[in-house]
């Protein structure tokens, strides 16, 4: 079994910063792309940022220049540094791994349980 566990969410004032982490655990050989998604109340889940195993990144237009995604392949962990946070960034943030190679075979489309980020004064 593989688990993705997020941490680092919380309440922050507008203009503040938070750093999210997502650690994958289990009998993992490698992970392809990893990403962060978010879902605000009443809205669809949307991609925030993604990073390949080689380090190529892409971002939603709404977070470009403010958020930075990175990963540590040795630790099977992906991070999201969020700066200059706005109230519209408030959402539950989910970690995703598109393909995890394990000793039991590949696992596709793994999700974490989500972590709440609230930006409010």
C-alpha atoms as a PDB file:
ATOM      1  CA  UNK A   1       0.000   0.000   0.000  1.00  0.00           C
ATOM      2  CA  UNK A   2       1.038   3.572  -0.667  1.00  0.00           C
ATOM      3  CA  UNK A   3      -0.036   6.612   1.307  1.00  0.00           C
ATOM      4  CA  UNK A   4       0.292  10.305   0.543  1.00  0.00           C
ATOM      5  CA  UNK A   5       0.209  12.456   3.658  1.00  0.00           C
ATOM      6  CA  UNK A   6      -0.007  16.244   3.449  1.00  0.00           C
ATOM      7  CA  UNK A   7       0.974  18.706   6.153  1.00  0.00           C
ATOM      8  CA  UNK A   8       1.540  22.421   6.582  1.00  0.00           C
ATOM      9  CA  UNK A   9      -1.888  23.901   6.076  1.00  0.00           C
ATOM     10  CA  UNK A  10      -3.439  26.440   8.396  1.00  0.00           C
ATOM     11  CA  UNK A  11      -4.750  29.950   8.835  1.00  0.00           C
ATOM     12  CA  UNK A  12      -2.677  32.835   7.484  1.00  0.00           C
ATOM     13  CA  UNK A  13      -3.299  36.518   6.882  1.00  0.00           C
ATOM     14  CA  UNK A  14      -3.371  37.956   3.366  1.00  0.00           C
ATOM     15  CA  UNK A  15       0.163  38.514   2.126  1.00  0.00           C
ATOM     16  CA  UNK A  16       1.506  35.750   4.313  1.00  0.00           C
ATOM     17  CA  UNK A  17       3.225  32.484   3.447  1.00  0.00           C
ATOM     18  CA  UNK A  18       2.752  28.778   4.026  1.00  0.00           C
ATOM     19  CA  UNK A  19       4.717  25.717   2.993  1.00  0.00           C
ATOM     20  CA  UNK A  20       2.870  22.494   2.269  1.00  0.00           C
ATOM     21  CA  UNK A  21       4.539  19.102   2.289  1.00  0.00           C
ATOM     22  CA  UNK A  22       3.357  15.762   0.948  1.00  0.00           C
ATOM     23  CA  UNK A  23       5.242  12.584   1.759  1.00  0.00           C
ATOM     24  CA  UNK A  24       4.596   9.308  -0.006  1.00  0.00           C
ATOM     25  CA  UNK A  25       5.206   6.161   1.999  1.00  0.00           C
ATOM     26  CA  UNK A  26       5.216   2.473   1.178  1.00  0.00           C
ATOM     27  CA  UNK A  27       7.276   0.105  -0.952  1.00  0.00           C
ATOM     28  CA  UNK A  28       8.058   2.768  -3.550  1.00  0.00           C
ATOM     29  CA  UNK A  29      10.612   2.463  -6.326  1.00  0.00           C
ATOM     30  CA  UNK A  30       9.867   5.753  -8.068  1.00  0.00           C
ATOM     31  CA  UNK A  31       7.153   8.369  -8.650  1.00  0.00           C
ATOM     32  CA  UNK A  32       6.443  10.087 -11.944  1.00  0.00           C
ATOM     33  CA  UNK A  33       4.769  13.496 -11.850  1.00  0.00           C
ATOM     34  CA  UNK A  34       3.504  14.891  -8.563  1.00  0.00           C
ATOM     35  CA  UNK A  35       1.189  17.806  -8.139  1.00  0.00           C
ATOM     36  CA  UNK A  36      -0.908  19.969  -5.906  1.00  0.00           C
ATOM     37  CA  UNK A  37      -4.600  20.536  -6.530  1.00  0.00           C
ATOM     38  CA  UNK A  38      -7.086  22.599  -4.578  1.00  0.00           C
ATOM     39  CA  UNK A  39     -10.818  22.699  -4.119  1.00  0.00           C
ATOM     40  CA  UNK A  40     -12.696  25.650  -2.728  1.00  0.00           C
ATOM     41  CA  UNK A  41     -16.277  25.312  -1.438  1.00  0.00           C
ATOM     42  CA  UNK A  42     -18.715  25.036  -4.318  1.00  0.00           C
ATOM     43  CA  UNK A  43     -15.958  24.818  -6.920  1.00  0.00           C
ATOM     44  CA  UNK A  44     -14.307  22.049  -8.890  1.00  0.00           C
ATOM     45  CA  UNK A  45     -10.911  20.708  -7.967  1.00  0.00           C
ATOM     46  CA  UNK A  46      -8.231  22.494  -9.963  1.00  0.00           C
ATOM     47  CA  UNK A  47      -4.552  21.977 -10.654  1.00  0.00           C
ATOM     48  CA  UNK A  48      -2.318  24.413  -8.790  1.00  0.00           C
ATOM     49  CA  UNK A  49       1.145  23.160  -9.732  1.00  0.00           C
ATOM     50  CA  UNK A  50       2.862  20.019 -10.960  1.00  0.00           C
ATOM     51  CA  UNK A  51       6.412  18.743 -11.202  1.00  0.00           C
ATOM     52  CA  UNK A  52       7.896  15.830 -13.126  1.00  0.00           C
ATOM     53  CA  UNK A  53      10.477  13.438 -11.748  1.00  0.00           C
ATOM     54  CA  UNK A  54      13.061  15.417 -13.724  1.00  0.00           C
ATOM     55  CA  UNK A  55      12.038  18.712 -12.167  1.00  0.00           C
ATOM     56  CA  UNK A  56      10.008  20.333 -14.936  1.00  0.00           C
ATOM     57  CA  UNK A  57       7.191  22.414 -13.505  1.00  0.00           C
ATOM     58  CA  UNK A  58       3.948  24.028 -14.531  1.00  0.00           C
ATOM     59  CA  UNK A  59       1.606  26.327 -12.655  1.00  0.00           C
ATOM     60  CA  UNK A  60      -1.912  27.632 -12.821  1.00  0.00           C
ATOM     61  CA  UNK A  61      -1.920  31.218 -14.070  1.00  0.00           C
ATOM     62  CA  UNK A  62      -3.489  32.358 -10.798  1.00  0.00           C
ATOM     63  CA  UNK A  63      -0.450  31.289  -8.745  1.00  0.00           C
ATOM     64  CA  UNK A  64       2.450  31.998 -11.108  1.00  0.00           C
ATOM     65  CA  UNK A  65       5.093  34.136  -9.430  1.00  0.00           C
ATOM     66  CA  UNK A  66       3.679  33.431  -5.967  1.00  0.00           C
ATOM     67  CA  UNK A  67       3.837  29.638  -5.526  1.00  0.00           C
ATOM     68  CA  UNK A  68       6.807  27.337  -6.032  1.00  0.00           C
ATOM     69  CA  UNK A  69       6.622  23.559  -6.305  1.00  0.00           C
ATOM     70  CA  UNK A  70       9.639  21.388  -5.585  1.00  0.00           C
ATOM     71  CA  UNK A  71      10.366  17.773  -4.727  1.00  0.00           C
ATOM     72  CA  UNK A  72      12.913  15.574  -3.026  1.00  0.00           C
ATOM     73  CA  UNK A  73      12.957  12.286  -4.921  1.00  0.00           C
ATOM     74  CA  UNK A  74      15.071  10.589  -2.262  1.00  0.00           C
ATOM     75  CA  UNK A  75      12.362  11.332   0.306  1.00  0.00           C
ATOM     76  CA  UNK A  76       9.404  10.815  -2.064  1.00  0.00           C
ATOM     77  CA  UNK A  77       8.199  14.215  -0.957  1.00  0.00           C
ATOM     78  CA  UNK A  78       6.756  17.181  -2.823  1.00  0.00           C
ATOM     79  CA  UNK A  79       6.503  20.714  -1.455  1.00  0.00           C
ATOM     80  CA  UNK A  80       4.477  23.800  -2.260  1.00  0.00           C
ATOM     81  CA  UNK A  81       5.842  27.120  -1.074  1.00  0.00           C
ATOM     82  CA  UNK A  82       3.024  29.647  -1.125  1.00  0.00           C
ATOM     83  CA  UNK A  83       3.846  33.337  -0.823  1.00  0.00           C
ATOM     84  CA  UNK A  84       1.765  36.496  -1.097  1.00  0.00           C
ATOM     85  CA  UNK A  85      -1.328  34.513  -0.225  1.00  0.00           C
ATOM     86  CA  UNK A  86      -4.727  35.926  -1.112  1.00  0.00           C
ATOM     87  CA  UNK A  87      -8.187  35.155   0.289  1.00  0.00           C
ATOM     88  CA  UNK A  88      -9.037  33.476  -3.021  1.00  0.00           C
ATOM     89  CA  UNK A  89      -6.303  30.906  -2.305  1.00  0.00           C
ATOM     90  CA  UNK A  90      -8.484  29.531   0.487  1.00  0.00           C
ATOM     91  CA  UNK A  91      -9.231  25.888  -0.263  1.00  0.00           C
ATOM     92  CA  UNK A  92      -8.456  22.317   0.654  1.00  0.00           C
ATOM     93  CA  UNK A  93      -5.146  21.433  -0.973  1.00  0.00           C
ATOM     94  CA  UNK A  94      -4.589  17.881  -2.196  1.00  0.00           C
ATOM     95  CA  UNK A  95      -1.391  16.129  -3.177  1.00  0.00           C
ATOM     96  CA  UNK A  96      -1.405  13.843  -6.210  1.00  0.00           C
ATOM     97  CA  UNK A  97       1.012  11.340  -7.695  1.00  0.00           C
ATOM     98  CA  UNK A  98       0.147  10.214 -11.197  1.00  0.00           C
ATOM     99  CA  UNK A  99       2.103   6.944 -11.255  1.00  0.00           C
ATOM    100  CA  UNK A 100       3.942   5.238  -8.421  1.00  0.00           C
ATOM    101  CA  UNK A 101       6.134   2.244  -9.168  1.00  0.00           C
ATOM    102  CA  UNK A 102       6.037  -0.212  -6.272  1.00  0.00           C
ATOM    103  CA  UNK A 103       7.238  -3.717  -5.597  1.00  0.00           C
ATOM    104  CA  UNK A 104       3.647  -4.848  -6.181  1.00  0.00           C
ATOM    105  CA  UNK A 105       3.282  -3.058  -9.501  1.00  0.00           C
ATOM    106  CA  UNK A 106       2.323   0.468 -10.578  1.00  0.00           C
ATOM    107  CA  UNK A 107      -0.295   2.489  -8.733  1.00  0.00           C
ATOM    108  CA  UNK A 108      -2.056   5.149 -10.748  1.00  0.00           C
ATOM    109  CA  UNK A 109      -3.685   8.325  -9.521  1.00  0.00           C
ATOM    110  CA  UNK A 110      -2.924   8.456  -5.799  1.00  0.00           C
ATOM    111  CA  UNK A 111      -4.337  11.248  -3.647  1.00  0.00           C
ATOM    112  CA  UNK A 112      -3.642  12.564  -0.190  1.00  0.00           C
ATOM    113  CA  UNK A 113      -6.368  13.316   2.328  1.00  0.00           C
ATOM    114  CA  UNK A 114      -6.110  17.082   1.871  1.00  0.00           C
ATOM    115  CA  UNK A 115      -5.020  19.959   4.065  1.00  0.00           C
ATOM    116  CA  UNK A 116      -7.008  23.132   4.677  1.00  0.00           C
ATOM    117  CA  UNK A 117      -5.495  26.491   3.784  1.00  0.00           C
ATOM    118  CA  UNK A 118      -7.422  29.553   4.939  1.00  0.00           C
ATOM    119  CA  UNK A 119      -6.309  33.060   4.046  1.00  0.00           C
ATOM    120  CA  UNK A 120      -8.157  35.610   6.118  1.00  0.00           C
ATOM    121  CA  UNK A 121      -7.577  38.661   8.245  1.00  0.00           C
END
